[in-house]
C-alpha atoms as a PDB file:
ATOM      1  CA  UNK A   1       3.661 -60.032 -11.764  1.00  0.00           C
ATOM      2  CA  UNK A   2       6.385 -58.928 -13.614  1.00  0.00           C
ATOM      3  CA  UNK A   3       7.499 -58.711 -17.276  1.00  0.00           C
ATOM      4  CA  UNK A   4      11.566 -58.402 -16.101  1.00  0.00           C
ATOM      5  CA  UNK A   5      13.257 -61.722 -17.851  1.00  0.00           C
ATOM      6  CA  UNK A   6      15.146 -63.576 -14.866  1.00  0.00           C
ATOM      7  CA  UNK A   7      16.065 -67.271 -14.615  1.00  0.00           C
ATOM      8  CA  UNK A   8      15.391 -69.390 -11.741  1.00  0.00           C
ATOM      9  CA  UNK A   9      17.394 -69.292  -8.949  1.00  0.00           C
ATOM     10  CA  UNK A  10      19.230 -66.180 -10.183  1.00  0.00           C
ATOM     11  CA  UNK A  11      19.554 -63.196  -6.763  1.00  0.00           C
ATOM     12  CA  UNK A  12      19.361 -59.922  -6.974  1.00  0.00           C
ATOM     13  CA  UNK A  13      19.696 -56.913  -4.669  1.00  0.00           C
ATOM     14  CA  UNK A  14      15.474 -55.504  -4.703  1.00  0.00           C
ATOM     15  CA  UNK A  15      13.306 -52.851  -3.339  1.00  0.00           C
ATOM     16  CA  UNK A  16      10.093 -52.599  -2.514  1.00  0.00           C
ATOM     17  CA  UNK A  17       8.148 -49.245  -3.323  1.00  0.00           C
ATOM     18  CA  UNK A  18       5.260 -49.993  -0.383  1.00  0.00           C
ATOM     19  CA  UNK A  19       2.400 -47.758  -0.504  1.00  0.00           C
ATOM     20  CA  UNK A  20       2.154 -44.861   2.656  1.00  0.00           C
ATOM     21  CA  UNK A  21       6.592 -45.355   3.625  1.00  0.00           C
ATOM     22  CA  UNK A  22       8.449 -43.260   3.005  1.00  0.00           C
ATOM     23  CA  UNK A  23      11.411 -44.729   1.030  1.00  0.00           C
ATOM     24  CA  UNK A  24      10.861 -47.830  -0.414  1.00  0.00           C
ATOM     25  CA  UNK A  25      13.095 -51.219   1.717  1.00  0.00           C
ATOM     26  CA  UNK A  26      15.557 -52.728   0.234  1.00  0.00           C
ATOM     27  CA  UNK A  27      16.027 -56.558   0.688  1.00  0.00           C
ATOM     28  CA  UNK A  28      19.961 -56.578  -0.190  1.00  0.00           C
ATOM     29  CA  UNK A  29      19.768 -59.879  -1.603  1.00  0.00           C
ATOM     30  CA  UNK A  30      16.423 -62.691  -3.197  1.00  0.00           C
ATOM     31  CA  UNK A  31      16.694 -65.385  -4.386  1.00  0.00           C
ATOM     32  CA  UNK A  32      14.189 -65.739  -8.035  1.00  0.00           C
ATOM     33  CA  UNK A  33      12.051 -69.625  -6.334  1.00  0.00           C
ATOM     34  CA  UNK A  34       9.864 -69.917  -9.874  1.00  0.00           C
ATOM     35  CA  UNK A  35       8.921 -68.342 -13.113  1.00  0.00           C
ATOM     36  CA  UNK A  36       5.163 -68.230 -14.592  1.00  0.00           C
ATOM     37  CA  UNK A  37       4.461 -66.537 -18.112  1.00  0.00           C
ATOM     38  CA  UNK A  38       3.755 -63.041 -15.920  1.00  0.00           C
ATOM     39  CA  UNK A  39       5.951 -62.922 -13.480  1.00  0.00           C
ATOM     40  CA  UNK A  40       8.643 -65.003 -10.620  1.00  0.00           C
ATOM     41  CA  UNK A  41       8.788 -65.690  -6.953  1.00  0.00           C
ATOM     42  CA  UNK A  42      11.706 -64.524  -5.001  1.00  0.00           C
ATOM     43  CA  UNK A  43      12.682 -65.601  -1.407  1.00  0.00           C
ATOM     44  CA  UNK A  44      14.400 -62.964   0.982  1.00  0.00           C
ATOM     45  CA  UNK A  45      18.473 -64.591   1.668  1.00  0.00           C
ATOM     46  CA  UNK A  46      19.287 -61.080   3.005  1.00  0.00           C
ATOM     47  CA  UNK A  47      17.856 -58.194   4.563  1.00  0.00           C
ATOM     48  CA  UNK A  48      18.628 -55.889   7.812  1.00  0.00           C
ATOM     49  CA  UNK A  49      16.649 -56.520  11.434  1.00  0.00           C
ATOM     50  CA  UNK A  50      15.397 -52.517  10.602  1.00  0.00           C
ATOM     51  CA  UNK A  51      14.270 -53.241   7.322  1.00  0.00           C
ATOM     52  CA  UNK A  52      12.565 -56.628   8.066  1.00  0.00           C
ATOM     53  CA  UNK A  53      10.901 -55.415  10.891  1.00  0.00           C
ATOM     54  CA  UNK A  54       9.105 -52.973   8.228  1.00  0.00           C
ATOM     55  CA  UNK A  55       8.222 -55.576   6.371  1.00  0.00           C
ATOM     56  CA  UNK A  56       6.387 -57.629   8.927  1.00  0.00           C
ATOM     57  CA  UNK A  57       4.048 -54.246  10.144  1.00  0.00           C
ATOM     58  CA  UNK A  58       3.551 -54.529   6.377  1.00  0.00           C
ATOM     59  CA  UNK A  59       2.128 -57.773   5.990  1.00  0.00           C
ATOM     60  CA  UNK A  60       0.430 -57.825   9.803  1.00  0.00           C
ATOM     61  CA  UNK A  61      -1.340 -54.587   8.351  1.00  0.00           C
ATOM     62  CA  UNK A  62      -2.474 -56.150   4.318  1.00  0.00           C
ATOM     63  CA  UNK A  63      -3.700 -59.054   7.411  1.00  0.00           C
ATOM     64  CA  UNK A  64      -5.546 -56.392   8.715  1.00  0.00           C
ATOM     65  CA  UNK A  65      -7.440 -55.652   6.279  1.00  0.00           C
ATOM     66  CA  UNK A  66      -8.942 -58.272   4.301  1.00  0.00           C
END
């Protein structure tokens, strides 16, 4: 969810602030795939291997919590 105005296809760098991590995950390039009334979806098109490893770990932990 976000109130930030973006257009489908826009690309930008983003940082994900995730509870439990000492610093935000850095995604070098994310592309806006869809835009809705209260948010938008991103595809990560460029992310460093060490950041991808951290993201994979975070997602695995979320799956365990379900």
